[in-house]
Protein backbone atom coordinates (compact mmCIF):
# COMPACT_ATOMS: atom_id res chain seq x y z
CA UNK A 1 0.00 0.00 0.00
CA UNK A 2 1.27 3.43 -0.92
CA UNK A 3 -0.56 5.87 1.32
CA UNK A 4 -0.27 9.45 2.45
CA UNK A 5 2.56 8.60 4.85
CA UNK A 6 4.64 7.29 1.94
CA UNK A 7 3.81 10.38 -0.13
CA UNK A 8 5.01 12.67 2.68
CA UNK A 9 8.16 10.59 3.09
CA UNK A 10 8.98 10.85 -0.61
CA UNK A 11 8.53 14.63 -0.35
CA UNK A 12 10.93 14.79 2.59
CA UNK A 13 13.55 12.75 0.72
CA UNK A 14 13.25 14.95 -2.37
CA UNK A 15 13.59 18.16 -0.34
CA UNK A 16 16.61 16.73 1.50
CA UNK A 17 18.29 16.05 -1.84
CA UNK A 18 17.39 19.54 -3.00
CA UNK A 19 19.03 20.97 0.13
CA UNK A 20 22.15 18.88 -0.57
CA UNK A 21 22.35 20.39 -4.06
CA UNK A 22 21.89 23.92 -2.69
CA UNK A 23 24.60 23.29 -0.08
CA UNK A 24 27.00 22.12 -2.79
CA UNK A 25 26.27 25.26 -4.80
CA UNK A 26 27.05 27.52 -1.84
CA UNK A 27 30.19 25.55 -0.99
CA UNK A 28 31.46 25.88 -4.57
CA UNK A 29 30.58 29.53 -5.18
CA UNK A 30 34.27 30.43 -5.58
CA UNK A 31 35.47 27.22 -7.28
CA UNK A 32 37.15 27.84 -10.61
CA UNK A 33 39.29 24.69 -10.86
CA UNK A 34 38.04 21.15 -11.37
CA UNK A 35 39.29 18.10 -9.45
CA UNK A 36 42.27 17.72 -11.78
CA UNK A 37 43.34 21.34 -11.27
CA UNK A 38 42.17 22.52 -14.69
CA UNK A 39 40.46 25.88 -15.14
CA UNK A 40 36.78 24.97 -15.29
CA UNK A 41 34.46 27.19 -13.22
CA UNK A 42 31.79 25.31 -11.25
CA UNK A 43 28.30 25.56 -12.72
CA UNK A 44 25.28 25.88 -10.47
CA UNK A 45 23.36 22.63 -10.03
CA UNK A 46 19.56 22.40 -10.01
CA UNK A 47 17.45 19.51 -8.69
CA UNK A 48 14.53 18.76 -10.99
CA UNK A 49 11.57 17.00 -9.37
CA UNK A 50 8.98 14.77 -11.00
CA UNK A 51 5.84 13.12 -9.75
CA UNK A 52 5.75 9.49 -8.79
CA UNK A 53 8.32 7.07 -7.46
CA UNK A 54 9.82 4.86 -10.16
CA UNK A 55 11.47 2.57 -7.59
CA UNK A 56 8.21 1.78 -5.75
CA UNK A 57 7.12 -1.86 -5.62
CA UNK A 58 3.45 -1.26 -6.45
CA UNK A 59 1.78 0.42 -9.42
CA UNK A 60 0.06 2.83 -7.05
CA UNK A 61 3.39 3.79 -5.57
CA UNK A 62 4.86 4.60 -8.96
CA UNK A 63 2.05 7.10 -9.57
CA UNK A 64 2.17 8.92 -6.21
CA UNK A 65 4.71 10.95 -4.33
CA UNK A 66 7.66 12.81 -5.79
CA UNK A 67 11.28 12.09 -6.66
CA UNK A 68 14.34 13.87 -7.99
CA UNK A 69 14.30 13.13 -11.71
CA UNK A 70 17.60 14.79 -12.51
CA UNK A 71 20.29 17.04 -11.11
CA UNK A 72 21.18 19.32 -13.98
CA UNK A 73 23.57 22.19 -14.55
CA UNK A 74 22.38 25.76 -14.86
CA UNK A 75 23.46 26.90 -18.32
CA UNK A 76 23.17 30.62 -17.58
CA UNK A 77 26.34 32.59 -18.33
CA UNK A 78 29.22 32.43 -15.89
CA UNK A 79 30.08 35.62 -14.01
CA UNK A 80 33.00 37.70 -15.21
CA UNK A 81 35.46 39.16 -12.72
CA UNK A 82 38.24 41.57 -13.54
CA UNK A 83 41.46 39.92 -12.34
CA UNK A 84 44.28 40.85 -14.73
CA UNK A 85 46.95 39.23 -12.54
CA UNK A 86 45.26 35.83 -12.51
CA UNK A 87 46.92 33.11 -14.60
CA UNK A 88 43.40 32.25 -15.83
CA UNK A 89 42.57 35.75 -17.09
CA UNK A 90 41.69 36.23 -20.75
CA UNK A 91 43.27 38.89 -22.96
CA UNK A 92 40.91 41.51 -21.46
CA UNK A 93 41.92 40.61 -17.90
CA UNK A 94 38.70 38.81 -16.94
CA UNK A 95 38.22 35.39 -15.39
CA UNK A 96 35.01 33.41 -15.37
CA UNK A 97 33.48 32.57 -12.00
CA UNK A 98 30.61 30.23 -11.03
CA UNK A 99 27.09 31.39 -11.88
CA UNK A 100 25.99 31.14 -8.24
CA UNK A 101 24.14 33.88 -6.37
CA UNK A 102 24.19 33.14 -2.63
CA UNK A 103 21.00 35.15 -2.04
CA UNK A 104 19.11 33.01 -4.55
CA UNK A 105 20.56 29.85 -2.99
CA UNK A 106 19.51 30.96 0.51
CA UNK A 107 15.97 31.70 -0.67
CA UNK A 108 15.80 28.30 -2.39
CA UNK A 109 17.08 26.69 0.81
CA UNK A 110 14.40 28.41 2.90
CA UNK A 111 11.76 27.21 0.45
CA UNK A 112 13.09 23.63 0.58
CA UNK A 113 13.16 23.68 4.40
CA UNK A 114 9.57 24.94 4.52
CA UNK A 115 8.46 22.23 2.10
CA UNK A 116 10.29 19.62 4.19
CA UNK A 117 8.57 20.92 7.33
CA UNK A 118 5.18 20.79 5.60
CA UNK A 119 5.79 17.13 4.74
CA UNK A 120 6.78 16.43 8.36
CA UNK A 121 3.52 18.01 9.56
CA UNK A 122 1.53 15.99 7.02
CA UNK A 123 3.25 12.77 8.12
CA UNK A 124 2.62 13.55 11.81
CA UNK A 125 -1.04 14.30 11.07
CA UNK A 126 -1.36 11.01 9.20
CA UNK A 127 0.16 9.12 12.12
CA UNK A 128 -2.23 10.82 14.56
CA UNK A 129 -5.25 9.96 12.38
CA UNK A 130 -4.14 6.34 12.11
CA UNK A 131 -3.68 6.15 15.89
CA UNK A 132 -7.16 7.62 16.49
CA UNK A 133 -8.64 5.18 14.00
CA UNK A 134 -7.04 2.26 15.83
CA UNK A 135 -8.43 3.52 19.13
CA UNK A 136 -11.91 3.59 17.68
CA UNK A 137 -11.59 0.00 16.51
CA UNK A 138 -10.29 -1.26 19.85
C-alpha atoms as a PDB file:
ATOM      1  CA  UNK A   1       0.000   0.000   0.000  1.00  0.00           C
ATOM      2  CA  UNK A   2       1.270   3.431  -0.917  1.00  0.00           C
ATOM      3  CA  UNK A   3      -0.556   5.871   1.323  1.00  0.00           C
ATOM      4  CA  UNK A   4      -0.271   9.451   2.450  1.00  0.00           C
ATOM      5  CA  UNK A   5       2.562   8.603   4.853  1.00  0.00           C
ATOM      6  CA  UNK A   6       4.640   7.289   1.940  1.00  0.00           C
ATOM      7  CA  UNK A   7       3.815  10.376  -0.126  1.00  0.00           C
ATOM      8  CA  UNK A   8       5.011  12.668   2.675  1.00  0.00           C
ATOM      9  CA  UNK A   9       8.159  10.593   3.089  1.00  0.00           C
ATOM     10  CA  UNK A  10       8.981  10.854  -0.615  1.00  0.00           C
ATOM     11  CA  UNK A  11       8.532  14.632  -0.354  1.00  0.00           C
ATOM     12  CA  UNK A  12      10.934  14.791   2.590  1.00  0.00           C
ATOM     13  CA  UNK A  13      13.555  12.752   0.724  1.00  0.00           C
ATOM     14  CA  UNK A  14      13.249  14.954  -2.373  1.00  0.00           C
ATOM     15  CA  UNK A  15      13.594  18.163  -0.340  1.00  0.00           C
ATOM     16  CA  UNK A  16      16.612  16.734   1.497  1.00  0.00           C
ATOM     17  CA  UNK A  17      18.294  16.048  -1.837  1.00  0.00           C
ATOM     18  CA  UNK A  18      17.385  19.537  -3.004  1.00  0.00           C
ATOM     19  CA  UNK A  19      19.028  20.970   0.132  1.00  0.00           C
ATOM     20  CA  UNK A  20      22.147  18.884  -0.570  1.00  0.00           C
ATOM     21  CA  UNK A  21      22.349  20.390  -4.059  1.00  0.00           C
ATOM     22  CA  UNK A  22      21.893  23.923  -2.688  1.00  0.00           C
ATOM     23  CA  UNK A  23      24.600  23.291  -0.076  1.00  0.00           C
ATOM     24  CA  UNK A  24      26.998  22.116  -2.785  1.00  0.00           C
ATOM     25  CA  UNK A  25      26.271  25.256  -4.795  1.00  0.00           C
ATOM     26  CA  UNK A  26      27.053  27.520  -1.841  1.00  0.00           C
ATOM     27  CA  UNK A  27      30.192  25.548  -0.995  1.00  0.00           C
ATOM     28  CA  UNK A  28      31.459  25.880  -4.574  1.00  0.00           C
ATOM     29  CA  UNK A  29      30.578  29.531  -5.184  1.00  0.00           C
ATOM     30  CA  UNK A  30      34.268  30.427  -5.583  1.00  0.00           C
ATOM     31  CA  UNK A  31      35.474  27.217  -7.276  1.00  0.00           C
ATOM     32  CA  UNK A  32      37.154  27.842 -10.609  1.00  0.00           C
ATOM     33  CA  UNK A  33      39.292  24.686 -10.855  1.00  0.00           C
ATOM     34  CA  UNK A  34      38.045  21.148 -11.374  1.00  0.00           C
ATOM     35  CA  UNK A  35      39.288  18.102  -9.445  1.00  0.00           C
ATOM     36  CA  UNK A  36      42.267  17.718 -11.776  1.00  0.00           C
ATOM     37  CA  UNK A  37      43.339  21.343 -11.270  1.00  0.00           C
ATOM     38  CA  UNK A  38      42.166  22.524 -14.693  1.00  0.00           C
ATOM     39  CA  UNK A  39      40.458  25.882 -15.144  1.00  0.00           C
ATOM     40  CA  UNK A  40      36.776  24.965 -15.293  1.00  0.00           C
ATOM     41  CA  UNK A  41      34.460  27.186 -13.216  1.00  0.00           C
ATOM     42  CA  UNK A  42      31.786  25.315 -11.252  1.00  0.00           C
ATOM     43  CA  UNK A  43      28.298  25.564 -12.724  1.00  0.00           C
ATOM     44  CA  UNK A  44      25.282  25.876 -10.473  1.00  0.00           C
ATOM     45  CA  UNK A  45      23.360  22.628 -10.032  1.00  0.00           C
ATOM     46  CA  UNK A  46      19.555  22.397 -10.014  1.00  0.00           C
ATOM     47  CA  UNK A  47      17.452  19.510  -8.687  1.00  0.00           C
ATOM     48  CA  UNK A  48      14.532  18.761 -10.992  1.00  0.00           C
ATOM     49  CA  UNK A  49      11.570  16.995  -9.369  1.00  0.00           C
ATOM     50  CA  UNK A  50       8.984  14.766 -10.999  1.00  0.00           C
ATOM     51  CA  UNK A  51       5.837  13.119  -9.746  1.00  0.00           C
ATOM     52  CA  UNK A  52       5.751   9.486  -8.789  1.00  0.00           C
ATOM     53  CA  UNK A  53       8.318   7.065  -7.456  1.00  0.00           C
ATOM     54  CA  UNK A  54       9.823   4.855 -10.158  1.00  0.00           C
ATOM     55  CA  UNK A  55      11.471   2.567  -7.592  1.00  0.00           C
ATOM     56  CA  UNK A  56       8.214   1.782  -5.750  1.00  0.00           C
ATOM     57  CA  UNK A  57       7.121  -1.855  -5.624  1.00  0.00           C
ATOM     58  CA  UNK A  58       3.455  -1.258  -6.448  1.00  0.00           C
ATOM     59  CA  UNK A  59       1.779   0.415  -9.421  1.00  0.00           C
ATOM     60  CA  UNK A  60       0.058   2.827  -7.048  1.00  0.00           C
ATOM     61  CA  UNK A  61       3.389   3.794  -5.570  1.00  0.00           C
ATOM     62  CA  UNK A  62       4.856   4.598  -8.960  1.00  0.00           C
ATOM     63  CA  UNK A  63       2.050   7.103  -9.573  1.00  0.00           C
ATOM     64  CA  UNK A  64       2.170   8.919  -6.213  1.00  0.00           C
ATOM     65  CA  UNK A  65       4.713  10.946  -4.328  1.00  0.00           C
ATOM     66  CA  UNK A  66       7.661  12.812  -5.789  1.00  0.00           C
ATOM     67  CA  UNK A  67      11.278  12.091  -6.663  1.00  0.00           C
ATOM     68  CA  UNK A  68      14.343  13.867  -7.994  1.00  0.00           C
ATOM     69  CA  UNK A  69      14.296  13.130 -11.709  1.00  0.00           C
ATOM     70  CA  UNK A  70      17.601  14.793 -12.511  1.00  0.00           C
ATOM     71  CA  UNK A  71      20.285  17.043 -11.107  1.00  0.00           C
ATOM     72  CA  UNK A  72      21.183  19.324 -13.979  1.00  0.00           C
ATOM     73  CA  UNK A  73      23.574  22.188 -14.550  1.00  0.00           C
ATOM     74  CA  UNK A  74      22.384  25.764 -14.860  1.00  0.00           C
ATOM     75  CA  UNK A  75      23.460  26.896 -18.320  1.00  0.00           C
ATOM     76  CA  UNK A  76      23.174  30.617 -17.578  1.00  0.00           C
ATOM     77  CA  UNK A  77      26.339  32.588 -18.332  1.00  0.00           C
ATOM     78  CA  UNK A  78      29.224  32.426 -15.892  1.00  0.00           C
ATOM     79  CA  UNK A  79      30.078  35.621 -14.010  1.00  0.00           C
ATOM     80  CA  UNK A  80      32.999  37.697 -15.208  1.00  0.00           C
ATOM     81  CA  UNK A  81      35.461  39.163 -12.722  1.00  0.00           C
ATOM     82  CA  UNK A  82      38.243  41.572 -13.544  1.00  0.00           C
ATOM     83  CA  UNK A  83      41.462  39.921 -12.336  1.00  0.00           C
ATOM     84  CA  UNK A  84      44.276  40.847 -14.735  1.00  0.00           C
ATOM     85  CA  UNK A  85      46.948  39.229 -12.536  1.00  0.00           C
ATOM     86  CA  UNK A  86      45.263  35.832 -12.511  1.00  0.00           C
ATOM     87  CA  UNK A  87      46.917  33.113 -14.597  1.00  0.00           C
ATOM     88  CA  UNK A  88      43.395  32.253 -15.829  1.00  0.00           C
ATOM     89  CA  UNK A  89      42.572  35.754 -17.088  1.00  0.00           C
ATOM     90  CA  UNK A  90      41.692  36.228 -20.746  1.00  0.00           C
ATOM     91  CA  UNK A  91      43.267  38.890 -22.962  1.00  0.00           C
ATOM     92  CA  UNK A  92      40.911  41.509 -21.462  1.00  0.00           C
ATOM     93  CA  UNK A  93      41.921  40.606 -17.899  1.00  0.00           C
ATOM     94  CA  UNK A  94      38.704  38.809 -16.936  1.00  0.00           C
ATOM     95  CA  UNK A  95      38.218  35.387 -15.386  1.00  0.00           C
ATOM     96  CA  UNK A  96      35.013  33.412 -15.371  1.00  0.00           C
ATOM     97  CA  UNK A  97      33.477  32.568 -11.996  1.00  0.00           C
ATOM     98  CA  UNK A  98      30.612  30.234 -11.032  1.00  0.00           C
ATOM     99  CA  UNK A  99      27.087  31.393 -11.877  1.00  0.00           C
ATOM    100  CA  UNK A 100      25.988  31.137  -8.238  1.00  0.00           C
ATOM    101  CA  UNK A 101      24.141  33.880  -6.371  1.00  0.00           C
ATOM    102  CA  UNK A 102      24.190  33.144  -2.634  1.00  0.00           C
ATOM    103  CA  UNK A 103      21.004  35.146  -2.043  1.00  0.00           C
ATOM    104  CA  UNK A 104      19.109  33.010  -4.547  1.00  0.00           C
ATOM    105  CA  UNK A 105      20.556  29.854  -2.994  1.00  0.00           C
ATOM    106  CA  UNK A 106      19.508  30.960   0.508  1.00  0.00           C
ATOM    107  CA  UNK A 107      15.972  31.704  -0.670  1.00  0.00           C
ATOM    108  CA  UNK A 108      15.804  28.298  -2.391  1.00  0.00           C
ATOM    109  CA  UNK A 109      17.084  26.685   0.813  1.00  0.00           C
ATOM    110  CA  UNK A 110      14.403  28.413   2.897  1.00  0.00           C
ATOM    111  CA  UNK A 111      11.755  27.206   0.452  1.00  0.00           C
ATOM    112  CA  UNK A 112      13.093  23.633   0.583  1.00  0.00           C
ATOM    113  CA  UNK A 113      13.164  23.684   4.401  1.00  0.00           C
ATOM    114  CA  UNK A 114       9.571  24.936   4.520  1.00  0.00           C
ATOM    115  CA  UNK A 115       8.460  22.230   2.096  1.00  0.00           C
ATOM    116  CA  UNK A 116      10.290  19.623   4.188  1.00  0.00           C
ATOM    117  CA  UNK A 117       8.567  20.917   7.334  1.00  0.00           C
ATOM    118  CA  UNK A 118       5.178  20.788   5.599  1.00  0.00           C
ATOM    119  CA  UNK A 119       5.793  17.134   4.735  1.00  0.00           C
ATOM    120  CA  UNK A 120       6.779  16.425   8.355  1.00  0.00           C
ATOM    121  CA  UNK A 121       3.521  18.007   9.564  1.00  0.00           C
ATOM    122  CA  UNK A 122       1.530  15.992   7.016  1.00  0.00           C
ATOM    123  CA  UNK A 123       3.249  12.769   8.123  1.00  0.00           C
ATOM    124  CA  UNK A 124       2.625  13.547  11.806  1.00  0.00           C
ATOM    125  CA  UNK A 125      -1.044  14.298  11.074  1.00  0.00           C
ATOM    126  CA  UNK A 126      -1.358  11.012   9.196  1.00  0.00           C
ATOM    127  CA  UNK A 127       0.160   9.121  12.124  1.00  0.00           C
ATOM    128  CA  UNK A 128      -2.235  10.815  14.556  1.00  0.00           C
ATOM    129  CA  UNK A 129      -5.246   9.964  12.383  1.00  0.00           C
ATOM    130  CA  UNK A 130      -4.137   6.343  12.114  1.00  0.00           C
ATOM    131  CA  UNK A 131      -3.684   6.154  15.893  1.00  0.00           C
ATOM    132  CA  UNK A 132      -7.156   7.622  16.491  1.00  0.00           C
ATOM    133  CA  UNK A 133      -8.641   5.177  13.998  1.00  0.00           C
ATOM    134  CA  UNK A 134      -7.041   2.262  15.827  1.00  0.00           C
ATOM    135  CA  UNK A 135      -8.430   3.520  19.132  1.00  0.00           C
ATOM    136  CA  UNK A 136     -11.910   3.591  17.678  1.00  0.00           C
ATOM    137  CA  UNK A 137     -11.592  -0.002  16.508  1.00  0.00           C
ATOM    138  CA  UNK A 138     -10.294  -1.260  19.854  1.00  0.00           C
END
